[in-house]
């Protein structure tokens, strides 16, 4: 690994390596990301300041939070498929989905707002939009996570494609859907201190790169020494912002200033087209 000079894969022309910025949600922008035509879009002030505060308060009182391990240390509500066998993941997902709505008590549900608009836009092109499934069970709809700084990056450089290739999850429909399709990484920021920018490098690693780096099913962390060869974008993220980008590109969250005191909190899930007539969601 130390002898590698670059990360094999592909990069976008610099003219296409940018994020579209909007002041309101246009679901066609999201479709463009999923179609592979746009790297990403950020919608400013998608969630009101009061709703951010209410959801954060509900999260603090939520009984089913847990702490994830050293790969992504944070307090979580909801379940990731990452690293789990399918029986465990879907059993935990059913329990999580039954209670996650409590996070939006006395607030507008931004996940529902987003999903309704996207479903309507996709429907105009003949696509349905639904949670990913396995044996008629639904994947977890989203996660909420809150964390403080943990070093040079508050979330280390990674890609979201590798986790979809885990042999333990053979038979899960995301493995077919994520093959050669853009992965829409959906994030809604509820809290963020100074710093904490979204950094995206202009490199989409291939399977050879992940094999060479020993990241076949984790996609994390990519060494910064290799990433230095690629241009990157730093996108300022503020509470209330919605941002969706192709998570196959290596990305991270930069350091939070005074990270021992400040937190970053987001709602998050993944999207992907499946075939010509469906788009699926999971986390």
Foldseek 3Di string as FASTA:
>chain_A
DVPDQAFDFAFDDPVQPDEAEEQEDDLVQVVCQQQVNHFKYKHPQQFPLVQLVQLVVLVVVDDPWDFDDPLQTWIKQWDDPFPDAPVVQLVRQVVRQVPVVSSRVVHDDSLVVSVVNNQVVLVVQQAGEEAFDAPPGGARFWMKTKAFADPQFSNAWFFDLLQLPDPSHPRGLSVQQSVVTFKKKKKAWSFAAPAFWKKFWRGQGDCVSCVVVVNNNPRDDDDVSNSVVTDMDTHDDHHNMMMIGRRSTIIGTGHHVVRVPGMIMIMIWMWHDDPSHYIHIHD
